Amino acid sequence: MELTEGLLKRRTIYSFKKDDVDLEIIEKALDCAVMAPNHKMTEPWHFYAVRGKTKEKLAERKKELKWEGFLDQDSERAQRAGEAAYTYIAELPWVMVVTTHRYSVDPVREKEDYAATSCAVQNFQLAAWAEGVGSKWSTGQFVKDQKVRDIVGAGEEEEIVGVIYLGYPEEIPNPKKRHRKEMVSWLE
């Protein structure tokens, strides 16, 4: 896939096939990820490639967090939501938990490293997309959860930037209209 085409056609995927994704595709995407620009070559990112029992633990934790969002955790609706959250993760071929290095003493460097890690995530997603593999970059409560950090073994100096769900797309959403004209100011 030509780069510009990939940039214009990549979509966030919400539903995935259960088909496995070859390790070679993941490794190639990781090779692309680590080529992201990063100030002073800090390479602040870490990718936790999750499968098997660890993925099951993440799925279980996602279910628990979903339940915690309901006032009545024993309700049928809460149970269904929790099970759906569990199944979503458990049936994915791959889950990537991506962290960046934290620097409490240097907020400028921390911001630069977070931005660099975001670039690495996009490189990863675009490289996977070029191979027909879709992804969804997820943040929110799941990335802030200490138990998720413990499941993947993230160190105290790491901050989770996102959880990337990966697999072959079940369907590809239509693009949403973007407003480039309103987002650019041409100055002379």
N, C-alpha and C. Protein backbone atom coordinates (compact mmCIF):
# COMPACT_ATOMS: atom_id res chain seq x y z
N MET A 1 0.85 -1.18 0.00
CA MET A 1 0.00 0.00 0.00
C MET A 1 0.89 1.24 0.00
N GLU A 2 0.60 2.14 -0.86
CA GLU A 2 1.34 3.40 -0.93
C GLU A 2 1.04 4.22 0.34
N LEU A 3 2.03 4.94 0.85
CA LEU A 3 1.92 5.63 2.13
C LEU A 3 0.73 6.58 2.19
N THR A 4 0.60 7.44 1.20
CA THR A 4 -0.50 8.42 1.23
C THR A 4 -1.85 7.71 1.22
N GLU A 5 -1.96 6.66 0.46
CA GLU A 5 -3.21 5.89 0.43
C GLU A 5 -3.51 5.33 1.82
N GLY A 6 -2.49 4.80 2.48
CA GLY A 6 -2.67 4.27 3.83
C GLY A 6 -3.11 5.33 4.81
N LEU A 7 -2.51 6.51 4.71
CA LEU A 7 -2.88 7.61 5.60
C LEU A 7 -4.34 8.04 5.39
N LEU A 8 -4.76 8.06 4.13
CA LEU A 8 -6.11 8.52 3.82
C LEU A 8 -7.17 7.45 4.07
N LYS A 9 -6.80 6.19 3.99
CA LYS A 9 -7.80 5.12 4.06
C LYS A 9 -7.83 4.36 5.38
N ARG A 10 -6.85 4.54 6.25
CA ARG A 10 -6.87 3.82 7.52
C ARG A 10 -8.07 4.26 8.34
N ARG A 11 -8.72 3.32 8.96
CA ARG A 11 -9.88 3.59 9.80
C ARG A 11 -9.72 2.88 11.13
N THR A 12 -10.35 3.42 12.14
CA THR A 12 -10.45 2.71 13.41
C THR A 12 -11.44 1.57 13.21
N ILE A 13 -11.02 0.38 13.60
CA ILE A 13 -11.85 -0.80 13.42
C ILE A 13 -12.49 -1.15 14.77
N TYR A 14 -13.79 -1.41 14.71
CA TYR A 14 -14.52 -1.72 15.94
C TYR A 14 -14.90 -3.19 16.05
N SER A 15 -15.00 -3.87 14.91
CA SER A 15 -15.33 -5.30 14.95
C SER A 15 -14.29 -6.06 14.12
N PHE A 16 -13.82 -7.14 14.72
CA PHE A 16 -12.71 -7.90 14.15
C PHE A 16 -13.12 -9.35 13.89
N LYS A 17 -12.50 -9.92 12.87
CA LYS A 17 -12.63 -11.35 12.63
C LYS A 17 -11.80 -12.08 13.67
N LYS A 18 -12.08 -13.35 13.85
CA LYS A 18 -11.32 -14.15 14.82
C LYS A 18 -10.04 -14.73 14.21
N ASP A 19 -9.82 -14.48 12.91
CA ASP A 19 -8.64 -15.01 12.23
C ASP A 19 -7.36 -14.53 12.90
N ASP A 20 -6.40 -15.44 13.02
CA ASP A 20 -5.12 -15.08 13.63
C ASP A 20 -4.34 -14.14 12.70
N VAL A 21 -3.48 -13.35 13.29
CA VAL A 21 -2.58 -12.46 12.55
C VAL A 21 -1.17 -13.00 12.76
N ASP A 22 -0.47 -13.22 11.66
CA ASP A 22 0.89 -13.78 11.73
C ASP A 22 1.82 -12.89 12.55
N LEU A 23 2.66 -13.53 13.32
CA LEU A 23 3.67 -12.83 14.11
C LEU A 23 4.54 -11.95 13.22
N GLU A 24 4.84 -12.37 12.01
CA GLU A 24 5.68 -11.58 11.10
C GLU A 24 5.07 -10.21 10.82
N ILE A 25 3.75 -10.14 10.72
CA ILE A 25 3.08 -8.85 10.49
C ILE A 25 3.25 -7.95 11.71
N ILE A 26 3.10 -8.53 12.89
CA ILE A 26 3.25 -7.76 14.13
C ILE A 26 4.70 -7.27 14.25
N GLU A 27 5.65 -8.14 13.97
CA GLU A 27 7.07 -7.75 14.06
C GLU A 27 7.41 -6.64 13.06
N LYS A 28 6.88 -6.74 11.85
CA LYS A 28 7.13 -5.69 10.86
C LYS A 28 6.53 -4.35 11.32
N ALA A 29 5.33 -4.40 11.88
CA ALA A 29 4.69 -3.18 12.39
C ALA A 29 5.50 -2.59 13.55
N LEU A 30 6.06 -3.46 14.39
CA LEU A 30 6.91 -2.98 15.49
C LEU A 30 8.19 -2.35 14.96
N ASP A 31 8.76 -2.95 13.90
CA ASP A 31 9.95 -2.35 13.27
C ASP A 31 9.63 -0.94 12.78
N CYS A 32 8.45 -0.75 12.24
CA CYS A 32 8.04 0.58 11.77
C CYS A 32 7.78 1.51 12.95
N ALA A 33 7.19 0.97 14.01
CA ALA A 33 6.87 1.79 15.18
C ALA A 33 8.11 2.44 15.76
N VAL A 34 9.17 1.67 15.91
CA VAL A 34 10.36 2.19 16.59
C VAL A 34 11.16 3.16 15.72
N MET A 35 10.72 3.36 14.48
CA MET A 35 11.35 4.36 13.62
C MET A 35 10.71 5.73 13.77
N ALA A 36 9.78 5.86 14.70
CA ALA A 36 9.10 7.14 14.92
C ALA A 36 10.10 8.19 15.39
N PRO A 37 9.83 9.44 15.03
CA PRO A 37 10.71 10.51 15.50
C PRO A 37 10.62 10.62 17.02
N ASN A 38 11.79 10.86 17.65
CA ASN A 38 11.78 11.07 19.10
C ASN A 38 12.96 11.95 19.48
N HIS A 39 12.64 12.98 20.24
CA HIS A 39 13.62 13.99 20.62
C HIS A 39 14.76 13.35 21.41
N LYS A 40 15.98 13.64 21.00
CA LYS A 40 17.20 13.15 21.64
C LYS A 40 17.29 11.61 21.63
N MET A 41 16.60 10.99 20.69
CA MET A 41 16.62 9.53 20.54
C MET A 41 16.37 8.81 21.88
N THR A 42 15.39 9.28 22.60
CA THR A 42 15.08 8.67 23.90
C THR A 42 14.38 7.31 23.76
N GLU A 43 13.75 7.06 22.62
CA GLU A 43 13.00 5.82 22.40
C GLU A 43 12.19 5.47 23.65
N PRO A 44 11.22 6.32 23.99
CA PRO A 44 10.52 6.20 25.27
C PRO A 44 9.42 5.15 25.33
N TRP A 45 9.15 4.48 24.22
CA TRP A 45 8.01 3.58 24.14
C TRP A 45 8.37 2.16 24.56
N HIS A 46 7.33 1.46 24.96
CA HIS A 46 7.44 0.02 25.19
C HIS A 46 6.13 -0.60 24.73
N PHE A 47 6.22 -1.64 23.93
CA PHE A 47 5.05 -2.34 23.41
C PHE A 47 4.95 -3.70 24.10
N TYR A 48 3.87 -3.93 24.80
CA TYR A 48 3.59 -5.23 25.39
C TYR A 48 2.66 -5.96 24.43
N ALA A 49 3.17 -6.97 23.75
CA ALA A 49 2.38 -7.76 22.80
C ALA A 49 1.69 -8.88 23.59
N VAL A 50 0.38 -8.81 23.65
CA VAL A 50 -0.38 -9.64 24.58
C VAL A 50 -1.22 -10.68 23.84
N ARG A 51 -1.06 -11.92 24.29
CA ARG A 51 -1.86 -13.05 23.80
C ARG A 51 -2.09 -14.01 24.98
N GLY A 52 -2.75 -15.09 24.72
CA GLY A 52 -2.87 -16.18 25.68
C GLY A 52 -3.45 -15.80 27.03
N LYS A 53 -2.80 -16.31 28.08
CA LYS A 53 -3.31 -16.12 29.45
C LYS A 53 -3.30 -14.65 29.87
N THR A 54 -2.31 -13.91 29.42
CA THR A 54 -2.26 -12.48 29.77
C THR A 54 -3.42 -11.74 29.14
N LYS A 55 -3.76 -12.10 27.91
CA LYS A 55 -4.92 -11.47 27.25
C LYS A 55 -6.20 -11.82 27.99
N GLU A 56 -6.31 -13.04 28.47
CA GLU A 56 -7.48 -13.46 29.25
C GLU A 56 -7.60 -12.61 30.53
N LYS A 57 -6.45 -12.34 31.17
CA LYS A 57 -6.46 -11.51 32.38
C LYS A 57 -6.91 -10.09 32.06
N LEU A 58 -6.44 -9.56 30.92
CA LEU A 58 -6.89 -8.23 30.51
C LEU A 58 -8.39 -8.22 30.23
N ALA A 59 -8.87 -9.28 29.58
CA ALA A 59 -10.30 -9.38 29.28
C ALA A 59 -11.11 -9.43 30.57
N GLU A 60 -10.63 -10.18 31.53
CA GLU A 60 -11.31 -10.28 32.83
C GLU A 60 -11.33 -8.93 33.53
N ARG A 61 -10.22 -8.21 33.47
CA ARG A 61 -10.17 -6.89 34.12
C ARG A 61 -11.09 -5.91 33.42
N LYS A 62 -11.18 -5.98 32.09
CA LYS A 62 -12.10 -5.11 31.34
C LYS A 62 -13.54 -5.39 31.76
N LYS A 63 -13.87 -6.66 31.97
CA LYS A 63 -15.21 -7.03 32.44
C LYS A 63 -15.48 -6.43 33.81
N GLU A 64 -14.51 -6.54 34.72
CA GLU A 64 -14.67 -5.99 36.07
C GLU A 64 -14.87 -4.48 36.03
N LEU A 65 -14.07 -3.80 35.21
CA LEU A 65 -14.21 -2.35 35.10
C LEU A 65 -15.56 -1.96 34.52
N LYS A 66 -16.04 -2.75 33.59
CA LYS A 66 -17.37 -2.49 33.02
C LYS A 66 -18.44 -2.63 34.10
N TRP A 67 -18.33 -3.68 34.91
CA TRP A 67 -19.28 -3.89 35.99
C TRP A 67 -19.24 -2.74 36.99
N GLU A 68 -18.03 -2.25 37.29
CA GLU A 68 -17.90 -1.16 38.25
C GLU A 68 -18.60 0.11 37.80
N GLY A 69 -18.87 0.21 36.51
CA GLY A 69 -19.57 1.38 35.97
C GLY A 69 -21.07 1.35 36.21
N PHE A 70 -21.58 0.26 36.72
CA PHE A 70 -23.02 0.14 36.97
C PHE A 70 -23.30 0.26 38.47
N LEU A 71 -24.38 0.97 38.80
CA LEU A 71 -24.78 1.08 40.21
C LEU A 71 -25.18 -0.29 40.75
N ASP A 72 -25.93 -1.03 39.95
CA ASP A 72 -26.35 -2.37 40.33
C ASP A 72 -25.53 -3.36 39.51
N GLN A 73 -24.41 -3.78 40.08
CA GLN A 73 -23.49 -4.65 39.34
C GLN A 73 -24.07 -6.04 39.09
N ASP A 74 -25.10 -6.40 39.84
CA ASP A 74 -25.72 -7.71 39.66
C ASP A 74 -26.86 -7.69 38.65
N SER A 75 -27.16 -6.53 38.10
CA SER A 75 -28.26 -6.46 37.14
C SER A 75 -27.91 -7.24 35.87
N GLU A 76 -28.95 -7.66 35.17
CA GLU A 76 -28.74 -8.40 33.93
C GLU A 76 -28.00 -7.54 32.90
N ARG A 77 -28.30 -6.27 32.86
CA ARG A 77 -27.65 -5.36 31.91
C ARG A 77 -26.15 -5.25 32.21
N ALA A 78 -25.80 -5.13 33.49
CA ALA A 78 -24.39 -5.06 33.89
C ALA A 78 -23.66 -6.34 33.53
N GLN A 79 -24.31 -7.46 33.78
CA GLN A 79 -23.70 -8.75 33.46
C GLN A 79 -23.43 -8.88 31.96
N ARG A 80 -24.42 -8.50 31.14
CA ARG A 80 -24.26 -8.57 29.68
C ARG A 80 -23.14 -7.65 29.21
N ALA A 81 -23.09 -6.44 29.75
CA ALA A 81 -22.05 -5.48 29.36
C ALA A 81 -20.66 -6.01 29.73
N GLY A 82 -20.55 -6.58 30.91
CA GLY A 82 -19.28 -7.14 31.35
C GLY A 82 -18.84 -8.30 30.49
N GLU A 83 -19.77 -9.18 30.17
CA GLU A 83 -19.45 -10.33 29.33
C GLU A 83 -19.07 -9.88 27.92
N ALA A 84 -19.76 -8.87 27.39
CA ALA A 84 -19.43 -8.35 26.06
C ALA A 84 -18.03 -7.76 26.05
N ALA A 85 -17.66 -7.04 27.11
CA ALA A 85 -16.33 -6.45 27.20
C ALA A 85 -15.27 -7.55 27.27
N TYR A 86 -15.56 -8.59 28.04
CA TYR A 86 -14.64 -9.71 28.16
C TYR A 86 -14.45 -10.39 26.80
N THR A 87 -15.55 -10.70 26.14
CA THR A 87 -15.51 -11.42 24.86
C THR A 87 -14.78 -10.61 23.80
N TYR A 88 -15.01 -9.30 23.80
CA TYR A 88 -14.37 -8.44 22.80
C TYR A 88 -12.86 -8.62 22.83
N ILE A 89 -12.28 -8.56 24.02
CA ILE A 89 -10.83 -8.69 24.15
C ILE A 89 -10.38 -10.14 24.00
N ALA A 90 -11.09 -11.06 24.61
CA ALA A 90 -10.68 -12.47 24.59
C ALA A 90 -10.62 -13.03 23.17
N GLU A 91 -11.49 -12.55 22.29
CA GLU A 91 -11.54 -13.09 20.93
C GLU A 91 -10.61 -12.38 19.95
N LEU A 92 -9.95 -11.33 20.37
CA LEU A 92 -9.01 -10.65 19.49
C LEU A 92 -7.75 -11.48 19.30
N PRO A 93 -7.18 -11.44 18.09
CA PRO A 93 -5.90 -12.16 17.90
C PRO A 93 -4.76 -11.55 18.73
N TRP A 94 -4.71 -10.23 18.82
CA TRP A 94 -3.63 -9.54 19.52
C TRP A 94 -4.16 -8.33 20.26
N VAL A 95 -3.53 -8.03 21.37
CA VAL A 95 -3.73 -6.78 22.09
C VAL A 95 -2.33 -6.24 22.37
N MET A 96 -2.14 -4.96 22.08
CA MET A 96 -0.86 -4.32 22.39
C MET A 96 -1.12 -3.26 23.47
N VAL A 97 -0.37 -3.33 24.54
CA VAL A 97 -0.42 -2.29 25.56
C VAL A 97 0.85 -1.47 25.37
N VAL A 98 0.67 -0.18 25.12
CA VAL A 98 1.80 0.68 24.79
C VAL A 98 2.02 1.68 25.91
N THR A 99 3.28 1.75 26.35
CA THR A 99 3.62 2.70 27.41
C THR A 99 4.67 3.69 26.92
N THR A 100 4.77 4.76 27.66
CA THR A 100 5.83 5.74 27.45
C THR A 100 6.53 5.95 28.79
N HIS A 101 7.74 6.44 28.71
CA HIS A 101 8.52 6.69 29.91
C HIS A 101 8.03 7.97 30.59
N ARG A 102 7.95 7.95 31.91
CA ARG A 102 7.55 9.12 32.68
C ARG A 102 8.76 9.78 33.32
N TYR A 103 8.74 11.10 33.34
CA TYR A 103 9.81 11.87 33.99
C TYR A 103 9.16 12.91 34.88
N SER A 104 8.98 12.60 36.13
CA SER A 104 8.32 13.56 37.01
C SER A 104 9.17 14.81 37.24
N VAL A 105 10.47 14.71 37.01
CA VAL A 105 11.35 15.86 37.24
C VAL A 105 11.52 16.71 35.98
N ASP A 106 11.04 16.25 34.84
CA ASP A 106 11.23 16.97 33.59
C ASP A 106 9.94 16.91 32.75
N PRO A 107 8.99 17.81 33.04
CA PRO A 107 7.70 17.76 32.34
C PRO A 107 7.82 18.02 30.83
N VAL A 108 8.82 18.76 30.40
CA VAL A 108 8.99 19.01 28.96
C VAL A 108 9.39 17.71 28.27
N ARG A 109 10.37 17.03 28.83
CA ARG A 109 10.80 15.76 28.24
C ARG A 109 9.66 14.73 28.27
N GLU A 110 8.89 14.71 29.35
CA GLU A 110 7.77 13.79 29.46
C GLU A 110 6.75 14.05 28.34
N LYS A 111 6.48 15.31 28.06
CA LYS A 111 5.55 15.67 27.00
C LYS A 111 6.10 15.27 25.63
N GLU A 112 7.39 15.53 25.41
CA GLU A 112 8.03 15.14 24.14
C GLU A 112 7.98 13.62 23.95
N ASP A 113 8.24 12.89 25.01
CA ASP A 113 8.23 11.43 24.92
C ASP A 113 6.83 10.88 24.70
N TYR A 114 5.84 11.49 25.30
CA TYR A 114 4.45 11.07 25.07
C TYR A 114 4.09 11.28 23.60
N ALA A 115 4.49 12.43 23.05
CA ALA A 115 4.22 12.71 21.64
C ALA A 115 4.96 11.71 20.75
N ALA A 116 6.19 11.39 21.07
CA ALA A 116 6.96 10.43 20.28
C ALA A 116 6.31 9.05 20.33
N THR A 117 5.83 8.67 21.49
CA THR A 117 5.16 7.37 21.62
C THR A 117 3.87 7.35 20.81
N SER A 118 3.17 8.45 20.78
CA SER A 118 1.97 8.54 19.94
C SER A 118 2.33 8.37 18.47
N CYS A 119 3.44 8.95 18.06
CA CYS A 119 3.91 8.75 16.67
C CYS A 119 4.24 7.28 16.42
N ALA A 120 4.86 6.62 17.41
CA ALA A 120 5.19 5.20 17.26
C ALA A 120 3.92 4.36 17.12
N VAL A 121 2.89 4.72 17.89
CA VAL A 121 1.62 4.00 17.78
C VAL A 121 1.04 4.17 16.38
N GLN A 122 1.06 5.39 15.86
CA GLN A 122 0.53 5.59 14.52
C GLN A 122 1.34 4.82 13.48
N ASN A 123 2.65 4.84 13.59
CA ASN A 123 3.48 4.05 12.68
C ASN A 123 3.07 2.58 12.74
N PHE A 124 2.89 2.08 13.95
CA PHE A 124 2.49 0.68 14.14
C PHE A 124 1.15 0.41 13.46
N GLN A 125 0.19 1.28 13.69
CA GLN A 125 -1.14 1.09 13.11
C GLN A 125 -1.11 1.15 11.59
N LEU A 126 -0.36 2.09 11.04
CA LEU A 126 -0.29 2.22 9.58
C LEU A 126 0.41 1.02 8.95
N ALA A 127 1.46 0.53 9.59
CA ALA A 127 2.16 -0.64 9.06
C ALA A 127 1.25 -1.87 9.10
N ALA A 128 0.50 -2.03 10.17
CA ALA A 128 -0.45 -3.14 10.26
C ALA A 128 -1.53 -3.00 9.19
N TRP A 129 -2.03 -1.77 9.02
CA TRP A 129 -3.07 -1.50 8.02
C TRP A 129 -2.59 -1.85 6.61
N ALA A 130 -1.34 -1.58 6.32
CA ALA A 130 -0.77 -1.90 5.00
C ALA A 130 -0.81 -3.40 4.74
N GLU A 131 -0.87 -4.20 5.80
CA GLU A 131 -0.93 -5.65 5.68
C GLU A 131 -2.37 -6.18 5.81
N GLY A 132 -3.34 -5.24 5.85
CA GLY A 132 -4.74 -5.64 5.96
C GLY A 132 -5.23 -5.85 7.38
N VAL A 133 -4.41 -5.49 8.37
CA VAL A 133 -4.76 -5.67 9.78
C VAL A 133 -5.26 -4.35 10.34
N GLY A 134 -6.45 -4.39 10.91
CA GLY A 134 -7.05 -3.19 11.48
C GLY A 134 -6.72 -3.06 12.95
N SER A 135 -6.99 -1.87 13.48
CA SER A 135 -6.69 -1.61 14.88
C SER A 135 -7.64 -0.58 15.46
N LYS A 136 -7.69 -0.60 16.76
CA LYS A 136 -8.42 0.42 17.52
C LYS A 136 -7.54 0.83 18.68
N TRP A 137 -7.26 2.13 18.77
CA TRP A 137 -6.44 2.68 19.85
C TRP A 137 -7.41 3.09 20.95
N SER A 138 -7.32 2.43 22.09
CA SER A 138 -8.25 2.68 23.19
C SER A 138 -7.52 3.33 24.36
N THR A 139 -8.20 4.27 24.99
CA THR A 139 -7.65 4.94 26.18
C THR A 139 -8.70 4.85 27.29
N GLY A 140 -8.83 5.87 28.09
CA GLY A 140 -9.86 5.90 29.12
C GLY A 140 -9.45 5.16 30.38
N GLN A 141 -10.45 4.67 31.07
CA GLN A 141 -10.28 4.05 32.38
C GLN A 141 -9.32 2.86 32.34
N PHE A 142 -9.36 2.10 31.26
CA PHE A 142 -8.54 0.90 31.14
C PHE A 142 -7.05 1.22 31.21
N VAL A 143 -6.63 2.32 30.60
CA VAL A 143 -5.20 2.65 30.59
C VAL A 143 -4.73 3.31 31.88
N LYS A 144 -5.66 3.75 32.69
CA LYS A 144 -5.30 4.38 33.96
C LYS A 144 -5.35 3.40 35.13
N ASP A 145 -5.76 2.19 34.86
CA ASP A 145 -6.00 1.21 35.90
C ASP A 145 -4.71 0.53 36.36
N GLN A 146 -4.47 0.53 37.66
CA GLN A 146 -3.26 -0.08 38.22
C GLN A 146 -3.22 -1.58 37.97
N LYS A 147 -4.36 -2.25 38.01
CA LYS A 147 -4.38 -3.69 37.79
C LYS A 147 -3.97 -4.03 36.35
N VAL A 148 -4.34 -3.19 35.39
CA VAL A 148 -3.90 -3.41 34.01
C VAL A 148 -2.38 -3.28 33.94
N ARG A 149 -1.84 -2.27 34.61
CA ARG A 149 -0.39 -2.09 34.66
C ARG A 149 0.28 -3.33 35.26
N ASP A 150 -0.31 -3.85 36.33
CA ASP A 150 0.25 -5.03 36.99
C ASP A 150 0.18 -6.26 36.08
N ILE A 151 -0.92 -6.42 35.34
CA ILE A 151 -1.09 -7.58 34.47
C ILE A 151 0.02 -7.64 33.42
N VAL A 152 0.36 -6.48 32.84
CA VAL A 152 1.41 -6.49 31.80
C VAL A 152 2.81 -6.30 32.37
N GLY A 153 2.90 -5.95 33.63
CA GLY A 153 4.21 -5.77 34.25
C GLY A 153 4.85 -4.42 33.95
N ALA A 154 4.03 -3.40 33.71
CA ALA A 154 4.57 -2.06 33.46
C ALA A 154 5.22 -1.52 34.72
N GLY A 155 6.39 -0.92 34.55
CA GLY A 155 7.13 -0.37 35.68
C GLY A 155 6.56 0.96 36.15
N GLU A 156 7.00 1.38 37.31
CA GLU A 156 6.55 2.64 37.89
C GLU A 156 6.87 3.83 36.99
N GLU A 157 7.95 3.72 36.21
CA GLU A 157 8.37 4.82 35.34
C GLU A 157 7.62 4.82 34.00
N GLU A 158 6.65 3.92 33.85
CA GLU A 158 5.90 3.83 32.61
C GLU A 158 4.47 4.34 32.78
N GLU A 159 3.97 4.99 31.76
CA GLU A 159 2.58 5.43 31.70
C GLU A 159 1.95 4.76 30.46
N ILE A 160 0.80 4.15 30.64
CA ILE A 160 0.13 3.53 29.50
C ILE A 160 -0.47 4.62 28.62
N VAL A 161 -0.08 4.62 27.35
CA VAL A 161 -0.57 5.58 26.36
C VAL A 161 -1.84 5.05 25.70
N GLY A 162 -1.91 3.75 25.54
CA GLY A 162 -3.09 3.18 24.92
C GLY A 162 -3.02 1.68 24.86
N VAL A 163 -4.20 1.11 24.66
CA VAL A 163 -4.33 -0.31 24.40
C VAL A 163 -4.77 -0.41 22.95
N ILE A 164 -4.02 -1.15 22.15
CA ILE A 164 -4.31 -1.27 20.73
C ILE A 164 -4.91 -2.66 20.49
N TYR A 165 -6.16 -2.67 20.03
CA TYR A 165 -6.81 -3.91 19.66
C TYR A 165 -6.52 -4.18 18.19
N LEU A 166 -6.13 -5.41 17.87
CA LEU A 166 -5.68 -5.74 16.51
C LEU A 166 -6.35 -6.98 15.96
N GLY A 167 -6.62 -6.93 14.67
CA GLY A 167 -7.13 -8.10 13.97
C GLY A 167 -7.59 -7.70 12.58
N TYR A 168 -8.00 -8.69 11.83
CA TYR A 168 -8.53 -8.40 10.49
C TYR A 168 -9.92 -7.81 10.65
N PRO A 169 -10.21 -6.75 9.92
CA PRO A 169 -11.51 -6.07 10.08
C PRO A 169 -12.68 -6.95 9.67
N GLU A 170 -13.71 -6.96 10.49
CA GLU A 170 -14.99 -7.57 10.13
C GLU A 170 -15.69 -6.65 9.14
N GLU A 171 -15.59 -5.36 9.43
CA GLU A 171 -16.10 -4.34 8.52
C GLU A 171 -15.25 -3.08 8.69
N ILE A 172 -15.20 -2.30 7.63
CA ILE A 172 -14.41 -1.05 7.65
C ILE A 172 -15.39 0.11 7.60
N PRO A 173 -15.41 0.94 8.64
CA PRO A 173 -16.35 2.06 8.66
C PRO A 173 -16.07 3.05 7.52
N ASN A 174 -17.11 3.73 7.10
CA ASN A 174 -16.95 4.81 6.13
C ASN A 174 -16.23 5.97 6.78
N PRO A 175 -15.44 6.71 6.01
CA PRO A 175 -14.73 7.85 6.60
C PRO A 175 -15.71 8.95 7.02
N LYS A 176 -15.35 9.61 8.10
CA LYS A 176 -16.11 10.78 8.55
C LYS A 176 -15.49 12.01 7.90
N LYS A 177 -16.32 12.98 7.64
CA LYS A 177 -15.85 14.20 7.00
C LYS A 177 -14.86 14.91 7.92
N ARG A 178 -13.76 15.32 7.34
CA ARG A 178 -12.74 16.08 8.07
C ARG A 178 -12.78 17.51 7.57
N HIS A 179 -12.39 18.45 8.41
CA HIS A 179 -12.52 19.87 8.10
C HIS A 179 -11.15 20.55 7.99
N ARG A 180 -10.38 20.16 7.00
CA ARG A 180 -9.04 20.71 6.85
C ARG A 180 -9.06 22.21 6.70
N LYS A 181 -10.00 22.74 5.93
CA LYS A 181 -10.02 24.17 5.67
C LYS A 181 -10.16 24.99 6.94
N GLU A 182 -10.92 24.49 7.89
CA GLU A 182 -11.11 25.21 9.15
C GLU A 182 -9.93 25.01 10.11
N MET A 183 -9.09 24.04 9.83
CA MET A 183 -8.01 23.69 10.74
C MET A 183 -6.65 24.24 10.34
N VAL A 184 -6.59 24.94 9.22
CA VAL A 184 -5.31 25.45 8.73
C VAL A 184 -5.41 26.95 8.50
N SER A 185 -4.41 27.65 8.98
CA SER A 185 -4.30 29.09 8.71
C SER A 185 -3.04 29.29 7.85
N TRP A 186 -3.21 29.83 6.67
CA TRP A 186 -2.07 30.08 5.76
C TRP A 186 -1.55 31.49 6.03
N LEU A 187 -0.33 31.59 6.48
CA LEU A 187 0.24 32.87 6.87
C LEU A 187 1.41 33.22 5.96
N GLU A 188 1.54 34.51 5.68
CA GLU A 188 2.69 34.98 4.88
C GLU A 188 3.37 36.12 5.61
